[in-house]
Amino acid sequence: MNLSSVELLGLVAGLFGTFASAPQAIKIIRTRQARDVSLTMFLMALTGAVLWAAYGWLQQAPSIVFWNGVAILMFASIIGLKLHHSKPES
């Protein structure tokens, strides 16, 4: 596989953009508390990632498809953690 410098730039940019939300996921996992996490923000981020992945697919841009696929998994996980850890304790 021969990567162009533009595609390599996209891969590096996607790495940082996608994993920007990783500290939030790690914090939720460690503290088991997600009350202050914005569900709306992560639903919007998930929607954006799905749309960007579709755009990347249509444009045949592997870095856009790949990193938005990873972002979809990350955002969906955070949403799941938010819903699970925001339930009142009994």
PDB file of N, CA and C in Angstrom:
ATOM      1  N   MET A   1       0.850  -1.176   0.000  1.00  0.00           N
ATOM      2  CA  MET A   1       0.000   0.000   0.000  1.00  0.00           C
ATOM      3  C   MET A   1       0.893   1.235   0.000  1.00  0.00           C
ATOM      4  N   ASN A   2       0.625   2.142  -0.903  1.00  0.00           N
ATOM      5  CA  ASN A   2       1.398   3.364  -1.037  1.00  0.00           C
ATOM      6  C   ASN A   2       0.547   4.540  -0.560  1.00  0.00           C
ATOM      7  N   LEU A   3       0.937   5.130   0.571  1.00  0.00           N
ATOM      8  CA  LEU A   3       0.183   6.246   1.137  1.00  0.00           C
ATOM      9  C   LEU A   3       0.736   7.566   0.627  1.00  0.00           C
ATOM     10  N   SER A   4      -0.151   8.420   0.166  1.00  0.00           N
ATOM     11  CA  SER A   4       0.270   9.769  -0.218  1.00  0.00           C
ATOM     12  C   SER A   4       0.463  10.594   1.048  1.00  0.00           C
ATOM     13  N   SER A   5       1.189  11.697   0.920  1.00  0.00           N
ATOM     14  CA  SER A   5       1.404  12.555   2.079  1.00  0.00           C
ATOM     15  C   SER A   5       0.082  13.162   2.570  1.00  0.00           C
ATOM     16  N   VAL A   6      -0.844  13.385   1.660  1.00  0.00           N
ATOM     17  CA  VAL A   6      -2.152  13.931   2.044  1.00  0.00           C
ATOM     18  C   VAL A   6      -2.931  12.888   2.848  1.00  0.00           C
ATOM     19  N   GLU A   7      -2.899  11.638   2.404  1.00  0.00           N
ATOM     20  CA  GLU A   7      -3.599  10.570   3.130  1.00  0.00           C
ATOM     21  C   GLU A   7      -2.952  10.332   4.493  1.00  0.00           C
ATOM     22  N   LEU A   8      -1.638  10.420   4.554  1.00  0.00           N
ATOM     23  CA  LEU A   8      -0.936  10.272   5.830  1.00  0.00           C
ATOM     24  C   LEU A   8      -1.340  11.402   6.786  1.00  0.00           C
ATOM     25  N   LEU A   9      -1.439  12.615   6.278  1.00  0.00           N
ATOM     26  CA  LEU A   9      -1.909  13.742   7.083  1.00  0.00           C
ATOM     27  C   LEU A   9      -3.312  13.463   7.623  1.00  0.00           C
ATOM     28  N   GLY A  10      -4.184  12.920   6.780  1.00  0.00           N
ATOM     29  CA  GLY A  10      -5.540  12.570   7.209  1.00  0.00           C
ATOM     30  C   GLY A  10      -5.543  11.513   8.295  1.00  0.00           C
ATOM     31  N   LEU A  11      -4.653  10.544   8.185  1.00  0.00           N
ATOM     32  CA  LEU A  11      -4.577   9.494   9.206  1.00  0.00           C
ATOM     33  C   LEU A  11      -4.112  10.048  10.554  1.00  0.00           C
ATOM     34  N   VAL A  12      -3.115  10.924  10.532  1.00  0.00           N
ATOM     35  CA  VAL A  12      -2.615  11.518  11.778  1.00  0.00           C
ATOM     36  C   VAL A  12      -3.672  12.449  12.383  1.00  0.00           C
ATOM     37  N   ALA A  13      -4.317  13.266  11.549  1.00  0.00           N
ATOM     38  CA  ALA A  13      -5.366  14.167  12.035  1.00  0.00           C
ATOM     39  C   ALA A  13      -6.513  13.367  12.648  1.00  0.00           C
ATOM     40  N   GLY A  14      -6.891  12.295  11.990  1.00  0.00           N
ATOM     41  CA  GLY A  14      -7.970  11.450  12.497  1.00  0.00           C
ATOM     42  C   GLY A  14      -7.632  10.818  13.832  1.00  0.00           C
ATOM     43  N   LEU A  15      -6.381  10.429  14.000  1.00  0.00           N
ATOM     44  CA  LEU A  15      -5.937   9.839  15.266  1.00  0.00           C
ATOM     45  C   LEU A  15      -6.190  10.803  16.418  1.00  0.00           C
ATOM     46  N   PHE A  16      -5.736  12.041  16.265  1.00  0.00           N
ATOM     47  CA  PHE A  16      -5.906  13.021  17.336  1.00  0.00           C
ATOM     48  C   PHE A  16      -7.371  13.411  17.522  1.00  0.00           C
ATOM     49  N   GLY A  17      -8.080  13.616  16.434  1.00  0.00           N
ATOM     50  CA  GLY A  17      -9.487  13.997  16.528  1.00  0.00           C
ATOM     51  C   GLY A  17     -10.341  12.926  17.172  1.00  0.00           C
ATOM     52  N   THR A  18     -10.082  11.686  16.800  1.00  0.00           N
ATOM     53  CA  THR A  18     -10.878  10.579  17.328  1.00  0.00           C
ATOM     54  C   THR A  18     -10.606  10.337  18.800  1.00  0.00           C
ATOM     55  N   PHE A  19      -9.349  10.341  19.182  1.00  0.00           N
ATOM     56  CA  PHE A  19      -9.014  10.003  20.560  1.00  0.00           C
ATOM     57  C   PHE A  19      -9.056  11.189  21.515  1.00  0.00           C
ATOM     58  N   ALA A  20      -9.540  12.330  21.045  1.00  0.00           N
ATOM     59  CA  ALA A  20      -9.723  13.479  21.934  1.00  0.00           C
ATOM     60  C   ALA A  20     -10.759  13.176  23.013  1.00  0.00           C
ATOM     61  N   SER A  21     -11.682  12.281  22.720  1.00  0.00           N
ATOM     62  CA  SER A  21     -12.715  11.946  23.705  1.00  0.00           C
ATOM     63  C   SER A  21     -12.329  10.754  24.590  1.00  0.00           C
ATOM     64  N   ALA A  22     -11.194  10.146  24.338  1.00  0.00           N
ATOM     65  CA  ALA A  22     -10.769   8.995  25.145  1.00  0.00           C
ATOM     66  C   ALA A  22     -10.608   9.334  26.628  1.00  0.00           C
ATOM     67  N   PRO A  23     -10.034  10.484  26.987  1.00  0.00           N
ATOM     68  CA  PRO A  23      -9.936  10.783  28.428  1.00  0.00           C
ATOM     69  C   PRO A  23     -11.296  10.819  29.129  1.00  0.00           C
ATOM     70  N   GLN A  24     -12.331  11.261  28.422  1.00  0.00           N
ATOM     71  CA  GLN A  24     -13.671  11.286  29.020  1.00  0.00           C
ATOM     72  C   GLN A  24     -14.151   9.861  29.289  1.00  0.00           C
ATOM     73  N   ALA A  25     -13.951   8.975  28.323  1.00  0.00           N
ATOM     74  CA  ALA A  25     -14.351   7.578  28.503  1.00  0.00           C
ATOM     75  C   ALA A  25     -13.587   6.943  29.660  1.00  0.00           C
ATOM     76  N   ILE A  26     -12.294   7.192  29.730  1.00  0.00           N
ATOM     77  CA  ILE A  26     -11.471   6.629  30.804  1.00  0.00           C
ATOM     78  C   ILE A  26     -11.930   7.144  32.162  1.00  0.00           C
ATOM     79  N   LYS A  27     -12.256   8.434  32.234  1.00  0.00           N
ATOM     80  CA  LYS A  27     -12.724   9.008  33.498  1.00  0.00           C
ATOM     81  C   LYS A  27     -14.042   8.371  33.940  1.00  0.00           C
ATOM     82  N   ILE A  28     -14.956   8.163  33.001  1.00  0.00           N
ATOM     83  CA  ILE A  28     -16.239   7.532  33.348  1.00  0.00           C
ATOM     84  C   ILE A  28     -16.006   6.114  33.857  1.00  0.00           C
ATOM     85  N   ILE A  29     -15.134   5.385  33.189  1.00  0.00           N
ATOM     86  CA  ILE A  29     -14.844   4.001  33.592  1.00  0.00           C
ATOM     87  C   ILE A  29     -14.220   3.972  34.985  1.00  0.00           C
ATOM     88  N   ARG A  30     -13.267   4.873  35.234  1.00  0.00           N
ATOM     89  CA  ARG A  30     -12.581   4.893  36.538  1.00  0.00           C
ATOM     90  C   ARG A  30     -13.488   5.333  37.678  1.00  0.00           C
ATOM     91  N   THR A  31     -14.276   6.383  37.451  1.00  0.00           N
ATOM     92  CA  THR A  31     -15.094   6.934  38.536  1.00  0.00           C
ATOM     93  C   THR A  31     -16.482   6.311  38.623  1.00  0.00           C
ATOM     94  N   ARG A  32     -16.891   5.638  37.555  1.00  0.00           N
ATOM     95  CA  ARG A  32     -18.243   5.058  37.462  1.00  0.00           C
ATOM     96  C   ARG A  32     -19.316   6.122  37.674  1.00  0.00           C
ATOM     97  N   GLN A  33     -19.033   7.330  37.182  1.00  0.00           N
ATOM     98  CA  GLN A  33     -19.961   8.449  37.327  1.00  0.00           C
ATOM     99  C   GLN A  33     -19.959   9.237  36.030  1.00  0.00           C
ATOM    100  N   ALA A  34     -21.141   9.506  35.507  1.00  0.00           N
ATOM    101  CA  ALA A  34     -21.246  10.227  34.237  1.00  0.00           C
ATOM    102  C   ALA A  34     -22.322  11.307  34.276  1.00  0.00           C
ATOM    103  N   ARG A  35     -22.702  11.710  35.444  1.00  0.00           N
ATOM    104  CA  ARG A  35     -23.773  12.701  35.588  1.00  0.00           C
ATOM    105  C   ARG A  35     -23.472  13.993  34.834  1.00  0.00           C
ATOM    106  N   ASP A  36     -22.226  14.429  34.861  1.00  0.00           N
ATOM    107  CA  ASP A  36     -21.860  15.712  34.254  1.00  0.00           C
ATOM    108  C   ASP A  36     -21.474  15.616  32.780  1.00  0.00           C
ATOM    109  N   VAL A  37     -21.565  14.447  32.201  1.00  0.00           N
ATOM    110  CA  VAL A  37     -21.243  14.271  30.782  1.00  0.00           C
ATOM    111  C   VAL A  37     -22.473  14.647  29.961  1.00  0.00           C
ATOM    112  N   SER A  38     -22.272  15.433  28.923  1.00  0.00           N
ATOM    113  CA  SER A  38     -23.378  15.882  28.087  1.00  0.00           C
ATOM    114  C   SER A  38     -23.779  14.798  27.079  1.00  0.00           C
ATOM    115  N   LEU A  39     -24.949  14.238  27.279  1.00  0.00           N
ATOM    116  CA  LEU A  39     -25.468  13.245  26.348  1.00  0.00           C
ATOM    117  C   LEU A  39     -25.714  13.876  24.974  1.00  0.00           C
ATOM    118  N   THR A  40     -26.242  15.093  24.971  1.00  0.00           N
ATOM    119  CA  THR A  40     -26.517  15.781  23.708  1.00  0.00           C
ATOM    120  C   THR A  40     -25.239  15.963  22.889  1.00  0.00           C
ATOM    121  N   MET A  41     -24.162  16.344  23.534  1.00  0.00           N
ATOM    122  CA  MET A  41     -22.902  16.553  22.828  1.00  0.00           C
ATOM    123  C   MET A  41     -22.431  15.271  22.162  1.00  0.00           C
ATOM    124  N   PHE A  42     -22.491  14.169  22.882  1.00  0.00           N
ATOM    125  CA  PHE A  42     -22.009  12.912  22.311  1.00  0.00           C
ATOM    126  C   PHE A  42     -22.972  12.346  21.266  1.00  0.00           C
ATOM    127  N   LEU A  43     -24.268  12.606  21.393  1.00  0.00           N
ATOM    128  CA  LEU A  43     -25.200  12.220  20.335  1.00  0.00           C
ATOM    129  C   LEU A  43     -24.932  13.012  19.055  1.00  0.00           C
ATOM    130  N   MET A  44     -24.632  14.292  19.222  1.00  0.00           N
ATOM    131  CA  MET A  44     -24.298  15.118  18.060  1.00  0.00           C
ATOM    132  C   MET A  44     -22.970  14.679  17.444  1.00  0.00           C
ATOM    133  N   ALA A  45     -21.980  14.359  18.282  1.00  0.00           N
ATOM    134  CA  ALA A  45     -20.685  13.896  17.780  1.00  0.00           C
ATOM    135  C   ALA A  45     -20.847  12.569  17.044  1.00  0.00           C
ATOM    136  N   LEU A  46     -21.683  11.671  17.584  1.00  0.00           N
ATOM    137  CA  LEU A  46     -21.944  10.391  16.925  1.00  0.00           C
ATOM    138  C   LEU A  46     -22.598  10.606  15.565  1.00  0.00           C
ATOM    139  N   THR A  47     -23.581  11.486  15.506  1.00  0.00           N
ATOM    140  CA  THR A  47     -24.249  11.795  14.239  1.00  0.00           C
ATOM    141  C   THR A  47     -23.250  12.366  13.235  1.00  0.00           C
ATOM    142  N   GLY A  48     -22.403  13.278  13.689  1.00  0.00           N
ATOM    143  CA  GLY A  48     -21.384  13.848  12.818  1.00  0.00           C
ATOM    144  C   GLY A  48     -20.418  12.802  12.297  1.00  0.00           C
ATOM    145  N   ALA A  49     -19.999  11.885  13.161  1.00  0.00           N
ATOM    146  CA  ALA A  49     -19.072  10.826  12.747  1.00  0.00           C
ATOM    147  C   ALA A  49     -19.713   9.903  11.711  1.00  0.00           C
ATOM    148  N   VAL A  50     -20.986   9.582  11.899  1.00  0.00           N
ATOM    149  CA  VAL A  50     -21.693   8.744  10.920  1.00  0.00           C
ATOM    150  C   VAL A  50     -21.754   9.455   9.568  1.00  0.00           C
ATOM    151  N   LEU A  51     -22.083  10.734   9.596  1.00  0.00           N
ATOM    152  CA  LEU A  51     -22.169  11.498   8.349  1.00  0.00           C
ATOM    153  C   LEU A  51     -20.804  11.647   7.688  1.00  0.00           C
ATOM    154  N   TRP A  52     -19.753  11.902   8.479  1.00  0.00           N
ATOM    155  CA  TRP A  52     -18.401  11.996   7.916  1.00  0.00           C
ATOM    156  C   TRP A  52     -17.944  10.664   7.340  1.00  0.00           C
ATOM    157  N   ALA A  53     -18.283   9.560   7.999  1.00  0.00           N
ATOM    158  CA  ALA A  53     -17.920   8.237   7.478  1.00  0.00           C
ATOM    159  C   ALA A  53     -18.609   8.002   6.135  1.00  0.00           C
ATOM    160  N   ALA A  54     -19.871   8.384   6.032  1.00  0.00           N
ATOM    161  CA  ALA A  54     -20.598   8.240   4.762  1.00  0.00           C
ATOM    162  C   ALA A  54     -19.960   9.107   3.678  1.00  0.00           C
ATOM    163  N   TYR A  55     -19.590  10.317   4.047  1.00  0.00           N
ATOM    164  CA  TYR A  55     -18.908  11.218   3.109  1.00  0.00           C
ATOM    165  C   TYR A  55     -17.580  10.606   2.643  1.00  0.00           C
ATOM    166  N   GLY A  56     -16.812  10.110   3.597  1.00  0.00           N
ATOM    167  CA  GLY A  56     -15.535   9.485   3.260  1.00  0.00           C
ATOM    168  C   GLY A  56     -15.708   8.289   2.354  1.00  0.00           C
ATOM    169  N   TRP A  57     -16.745   7.506   2.590  1.00  0.00           N
ATOM    170  CA  TRP A  57     -17.040   6.340   1.747  1.00  0.00           C
ATOM    171  C   TRP A  57     -17.346   6.798   0.322  1.00  0.00           C
ATOM    172  N   LEU A  58     -18.185   7.804   0.202  1.00  0.00           N
ATOM    173  CA  LEU A  58     -18.560   8.306  -1.122  1.00  0.00           C
ATOM    174  C   LEU A  58     -17.376   8.955  -1.845  1.00  0.00           C
ATOM    175  N   GLN A  59     -16.472   9.565  -1.094  1.00  0.00           N
ATOM    176  CA  GLN A  59     -15.297  10.207  -1.680  1.00  0.00           C
ATOM    177  C   GLN A  59     -14.121   9.239  -1.828  1.00  0.00           C
ATOM    178  N   GLN A  60     -14.308   8.017  -1.376  1.00  0.00           N
ATOM    179  CA  GLN A  60     -13.253   6.991  -1.395  1.00  0.00           C
ATOM    180  C   GLN A  60     -11.999   7.496  -0.675  1.00  0.00           C
ATOM    181  N   ALA A  61     -12.217   8.024   0.528  1.00  0.00           N
ATOM    182  CA  ALA A  61     -11.141   8.550   1.364  1.00  0.00           C
ATOM    183  C   ALA A  61     -10.962   7.633   2.577  1.00  0.00           C
ATOM    184  N   PRO A  62     -10.023   6.690   2.505  1.00  0.00           N
ATOM    185  CA  PRO A  62      -9.869   5.697   3.571  1.00  0.00           C
ATOM    186  C   PRO A  62      -9.634   6.288   4.959  1.00  0.00           C
ATOM    187  N   SER A  63      -8.858   7.350   5.071  1.00  0.00           N
ATOM    188  CA  SER A  63      -8.591   7.900   6.404  1.00  0.00           C
ATOM    189  C   SER A  63      -9.865   8.449   7.039  1.00  0.00           C
ATOM    190  N   ILE A  64     -10.727   9.050   6.244  1.00  0.00           N
ATOM    191  CA  ILE A  64     -11.988   9.585   6.776  1.00  0.00           C
ATOM    192  C   ILE A  64     -12.901   8.441   7.213  1.00  0.00           C
ATOM    193  N   VAL A  65     -13.000   7.413   6.401  1.00  0.00           N
ATOM    194  CA  VAL A  65     -13.843   6.259   6.746  1.00  0.00           C
ATOM    195  C   VAL A  65     -13.312   5.566   7.994  1.00  0.00           C
ATOM    196  N   PHE A  66     -12.010   5.303   8.017  1.00  0.00           N
ATOM    197  CA  PHE A  66     -11.416   4.560   9.131  1.00  0.00           C
ATOM    198  C   PHE A  66     -11.596   5.288  10.458  1.00  0.00           C
ATOM    199  N   TRP A  67     -11.142   6.544  10.533  1.00  0.00           N
ATOM    200  CA  TRP A  67     -11.176   7.239  11.809  1.00  0.00           C
ATOM    201  C   TRP A  67     -12.584   7.571  12.263  1.00  0.00           C
ATOM    202  N   ASN A  68     -13.486   7.813  11.344  1.00  0.00           N
ATOM    203  CA  ASN A  68     -14.863   8.046  11.762  1.00  0.00           C
ATOM    204  C   ASN A  68     -15.529   6.754  12.197  1.00  0.00           C
ATOM    205  N   GLY A  69     -15.117   5.630  11.633  1.00  0.00           N
ATOM    206  CA  GLY A  69     -15.589   4.335  12.137  1.00  0.00           C
ATOM    207  C   GLY A  69     -15.142   4.120  13.572  1.00  0.00           C
ATOM    208  N   VAL A  70     -13.880   4.444  13.850  1.00  0.00           N
ATOM    209  CA  VAL A  70     -13.371   4.342  15.221  1.00  0.00           C
ATOM    210  C   VAL A  70     -14.108   5.333  16.125  1.00  0.00           C
ATOM    211  N   ALA A  71     -14.332   6.548  15.633  1.00  0.00           N
ATOM    212  CA  ALA A  71     -15.049   7.559  16.421  1.00  0.00           C
ATOM    213  C   ALA A  71     -16.470   7.102  16.739  1.00  0.00           C
ATOM    214  N   ILE A  72     -17.125   6.456  15.785  1.00  0.00           N
ATOM    215  CA  ILE A  72     -18.475   5.943  16.019  1.00  0.00           C
ATOM    216  C   ILE A  72     -18.465   4.970  17.193  1.00  0.00           C
ATOM    217  N   LEU A  73     -17.486   4.079  17.212  1.00  0.00           N
ATOM    218  CA  LEU A  73     -17.373   3.120  18.321  1.00  0.00           C
ATOM    219  C   LEU A  73     -17.102   3.843  19.642  1.00  0.00           C
ATOM    220  N   MET A  74     -16.211   4.835  19.608  1.00  0.00           N
ATOM    221  CA  MET A  74     -15.864   5.588  20.809  1.00  0.00           C
ATOM    222  C   MET A  74     -17.083   6.357  21.343  1.00  0.00           C
ATOM    223  N   PHE A  75     -17.761   7.087  20.461  1.00  0.00           N
ATOM    224  CA  PHE A  75     -18.900   7.887  20.900  1.00  0.00           C
ATOM    225  C   PHE A  75     -20.044   6.999  21.373  1.00  0.00           C
ATOM    226  N   ALA A  76     -20.292   5.897  20.677  1.00  0.00           N
ATOM    227  CA  ALA A  76     -21.352   4.977  21.099  1.00  0.00           C
ATOM    228  C   ALA A  76     -21.024   4.380  22.471  1.00  0.00           C
ATOM    229  N   SER A  77     -19.752   4.092  22.705  1.00  0.00           N
ATOM    230  CA  SER A  77     -19.338   3.562  24.007  1.00  0.00           C
ATOM    231  C   SER A  77     -19.558   4.587  25.110  1.00  0.00           C
ATOM    232  N   ILE A  78     -19.193   5.830  24.846  1.00  0.00           N
ATOM    233  CA  ILE A  78     -19.382   6.881  25.848  1.00  0.00           C
ATOM    234  C   ILE A  78     -20.868   7.093  26.124  1.00  0.00           C
ATOM    235  N   ILE A  79     -21.678   7.054  25.083  1.00  0.00           N
ATOM    236  CA  ILE A  79     -23.130   7.180  25.275  1.00  0.00           C
ATOM    237  C   ILE A  79     -23.644   6.023  26.129  1.00  0.00           C
ATOM    238  N   GLY A  80     -23.191   4.820  25.839  1.00  0.00           N
ATOM    239  CA  GLY A  80     -23.582   3.662  26.650  1.00  0.00           C
ATOM    240  C   GLY A  80     -23.145   3.803  28.092  1.00  0.00           C
ATOM    241  N   LEU A  81     -21.902   4.257  28.301  1.00  0.00           N
ATOM    242  CA  LEU A  81     -21.416   4.478  29.661  1.00  0.00           C
ATOM    243  C   LEU A  81     -22.229   5.565  30.362  1.00  0.00           C
ATOM    244  N   LYS A  82     -22.546   6.628  29.641  1.00  0.00           N
ATOM    245  CA  LYS A  82     -23.349   7.718  30.203  1.00  0.00           C
ATOM    246  C   LYS A  82     -24.702   7.186  30.665  1.00  0.00           C
ATOM    247  N   LEU A  83     -25.358   6.434  29.813  1.00  0.00           N
ATOM    248  CA  LEU A  83     -26.679   5.899  30.167  1.00  0.00           C
ATOM    249  C   LEU A  83     -26.599   4.914  31.321  1.00  0.00           C
ATOM    250  N   HIS A  84     -25.556   4.101  31.330  1.00  0.00           N
ATOM    251  CA  HIS A  84     -25.409   3.098  32.392  1.00  0.00           C
ATOM    252  C   HIS A  84     -25.049   3.736  33.733  1.00  0.00           C
ATOM    253  N   HIS A  85     -24.114   4.681  33.722  1.00  0.00           N
ATOM    254  CA  HIS A  85     -23.615   5.253  34.973  1.00  0.00           C
ATOM    255  C   HIS A  85     -24.364   6.496  35.423  1.00  0.00           C
ATOM    256  N   SER A  86     -25.408   6.883  34.732  1.00  0.00           N
ATOM    257  CA  SER A  86     -26.217   8.022  35.172  1.00  0.00           C
ATOM    258  C   SER A  86     -27.479   7.575  35.900  1.00  0.00           C
ATOM    259  N   LYS A  87     -27.679   6.270  35.956  1.00  0.00           N
ATOM    260  CA  LYS A  87     -28.860   5.764  36.660  1.00  0.00           C
ATOM    261  C   LYS A  87     -28.707   6.009  38.155  1.00  0.00           C
ATOM    262  N   PRO A  88     -29.804   6.382  38.811  1.00  0.00           N
ATOM    263  CA  PRO A  88     -29.722   6.598  40.264  1.00  0.00           C
ATOM    264  C   PRO A  88     -29.367   5.286  40.963  1.00  0.00           C
ATOM    265  N   GLU A  89     -28.516   5.413  41.981  1.00  0.00           N
ATOM    266  CA  GLU A  89     -28.139   4.224  42.754  1.00  0.00           C
ATOM    267  C   GLU A  89     -29.297   3.825  43.663  1.00  0.00           C
ATOM    268  N   SER A  90     -29.465   2.515  43.806  1.00  0.00           N
ATOM    269  CA  SER A  90     -30.563   2.055  44.677  1.00  0.00           C
ATOM    270  C   SER A  90     -30.026   1.382  45.899  1.00  0.00           C
TER     271      SER A  90
END
